[in-house]
Amino acid sequence: MIAGGPGTLNVYWALGPATPGLDLGLGFGCSLYLGPASLQSLYLGGLEPIASLPAPVLQPFTTSLAFHIPFDPTLAGTIVTTQVLVTGVPGGIPTMGGGVQVTNALQLLLGY
């Protein structure tokens, strides 16, 4: 649940399994579960975030996103991990860029 009102949902992804968690130094147990090397290379390649959308004012809420994955047998068995960083949340963890919240990660196995 995102607490404190509207913000922007930024969906990030990385190739490979979820990591044990890298403390982001924000307090409140906020951790990065995406592989840092993959995340950095995707970011530098302009592929991060994979999606951004506004969070509704009414809380709690659910949302869903659909992504096209090409029918390519070589992708079978590929592990992708996703995580959401919510920015601009009035009740979020205070940072220089405004309030933020971080979700847990979701690990996906393609092709099965």
Protein backbone atom coordinates (compact mmCIF):
# COMPACT_ATOMS: atom_id res chain seq x y z
CA MET A 1 0.00 0.00 0.00
CA ILE A 2 1.23 3.48 -0.85
CA ALA A 3 0.49 5.79 2.05
CA GLY A 4 0.05 9.51 1.97
CA GLY A 5 -1.64 10.32 -1.31
CA PRO A 6 -0.78 10.72 -4.97
CA GLY A 7 2.61 10.31 -6.54
CA THR A 8 4.24 8.74 -9.57
CA LEU A 9 4.80 5.00 -9.86
CA ASN A 10 8.14 4.29 -11.55
CA VAL A 11 8.58 0.62 -12.51
CA TYR A 12 12.20 -0.53 -12.72
CA TRP A 13 13.49 -3.90 -13.91
CA ALA A 14 16.70 -5.88 -14.02
CA LEU A 15 17.82 -9.13 -15.56
CA GLY A 16 18.45 -11.90 -13.07
CA PRO A 17 17.02 -12.96 -9.75
CA ALA A 18 16.17 -10.65 -6.88
CA THR A 19 19.10 -9.79 -4.64
CA PRO A 20 19.03 -10.16 -0.84
CA GLY A 21 18.45 -6.40 -0.65
CA LEU A 22 20.76 -3.40 -0.73
CA ASP A 23 19.90 -0.82 1.94
CA LEU A 24 19.13 2.47 0.17
CA GLY A 25 19.99 4.51 3.25
CA LEU A 26 16.49 6.02 3.43
CA GLY A 27 15.57 4.35 6.70
CA PHE A 28 12.40 2.38 7.31
CA GLY A 29 13.97 -0.76 5.76
CA CYS A 30 13.89 0.52 2.17
CA SER A 31 15.99 -1.84 0.07
CA LEU A 32 16.85 -2.31 -3.58
CA TYR A 33 16.22 -5.89 -4.70
CA LEU A 34 17.28 -5.42 -8.33
CA GLY A 35 20.73 -6.49 -9.51
CA PRO A 36 22.74 -3.22 -9.36
CA ALA A 37 24.90 -3.97 -12.45
CA SER A 38 21.89 -4.80 -14.63
CA LEU A 39 19.89 -1.85 -13.28
CA GLN A 40 22.75 0.54 -14.00
CA SER A 41 23.35 -0.72 -17.55
CA LEU A 42 19.61 -0.56 -18.37
CA TYR A 43 19.40 2.95 -16.89
CA LEU A 44 22.41 4.15 -18.86
CA GLY A 45 20.85 2.60 -21.98
CA GLY A 46 17.70 4.68 -21.46
CA LEU A 47 15.60 1.62 -20.57
CA GLU A 48 14.76 2.62 -16.98
CA PRO A 49 12.16 3.11 -15.71
CA ILE A 50 10.28 0.67 -17.94
CA ALA A 51 7.02 2.49 -17.09
CA SER A 52 5.83 5.54 -15.14
CA LEU A 53 2.24 6.30 -14.28
CA PRO A 54 0.39 8.46 -11.79
CA ALA A 55 -0.77 6.94 -8.54
CA PRO A 56 -4.40 7.71 -7.70
CA VAL A 57 -5.31 10.02 -4.86
CA LEU A 58 -7.55 7.45 -3.18
CA GLN A 59 -5.62 4.91 -1.15
CA PRO A 60 -5.17 1.94 -1.07
CA PHE A 61 -5.32 1.00 -4.74
CA THR A 62 -4.25 -1.66 -7.19
CA THR A 63 -3.04 -1.27 -10.72
CA SER A 64 -1.82 -3.50 -13.49
CA LEU A 65 0.47 -3.10 -16.47
CA ALA A 66 0.78 -5.21 -19.59
CA PHE A 67 4.03 -5.64 -21.50
CA HIS A 68 4.56 -7.38 -24.80
CA ILE A 69 7.13 -10.16 -24.59
CA PRO A 70 8.13 -11.46 -28.01
CA PHE A 71 7.55 -15.11 -28.80
CA ASP A 72 11.19 -16.12 -28.75
CA PRO A 73 12.11 -19.57 -27.43
CA THR A 74 15.55 -18.30 -26.38
CA LEU A 75 13.85 -16.20 -23.69
CA ALA A 76 12.47 -19.30 -21.93
CA GLY A 77 13.98 -19.52 -18.48
CA THR A 78 15.03 -15.85 -18.36
CA ILE A 79 14.57 -14.32 -14.91
CA VAL A 80 13.52 -10.68 -14.66
CA THR A 81 12.98 -8.80 -11.40
CA THR A 82 10.82 -5.68 -11.06
CA GLN A 83 10.44 -3.10 -8.30
CA VAL A 84 8.52 0.16 -7.99
CA LEU A 85 9.84 3.48 -6.68
CA VAL A 86 7.03 5.91 -5.90
CA THR A 87 8.09 9.55 -6.07
CA GLY A 88 6.28 12.73 -5.04
CA VAL A 89 4.41 11.10 -2.17
CA PRO A 90 3.53 13.72 0.47
CA GLY A 91 3.56 11.11 3.27
CA GLY A 92 6.62 9.29 1.94
CA ILE A 93 10.17 9.17 3.21
CA PRO A 94 11.53 12.72 2.91
CA THR A 95 14.35 13.18 0.39
CA MET A 96 15.75 16.17 -1.49
CA GLY A 97 13.47 15.24 -4.41
CA GLY A 98 10.33 14.90 -2.29
CA GLY A 99 8.70 12.00 -0.51
CA VAL A 100 9.44 8.49 -1.80
CA GLN A 101 8.31 4.96 -1.08
CA VAL A 102 9.84 1.69 -2.29
CA THR A 103 7.98 -1.57 -2.87
CA ASN A 104 9.16 -5.13 -2.51
CA ALA A 105 10.39 -6.85 -5.65
CA LEU A 106 8.60 -9.24 -7.97
CA GLN A 107 10.69 -11.94 -9.64
CA LEU A 108 9.37 -13.25 -12.99
CA LEU A 109 10.39 -16.38 -14.88
CA LEU A 110 9.68 -16.05 -18.60
CA GLY A 111 8.43 -18.84 -20.80
CA TYR A 112 6.72 -21.12 -18.29
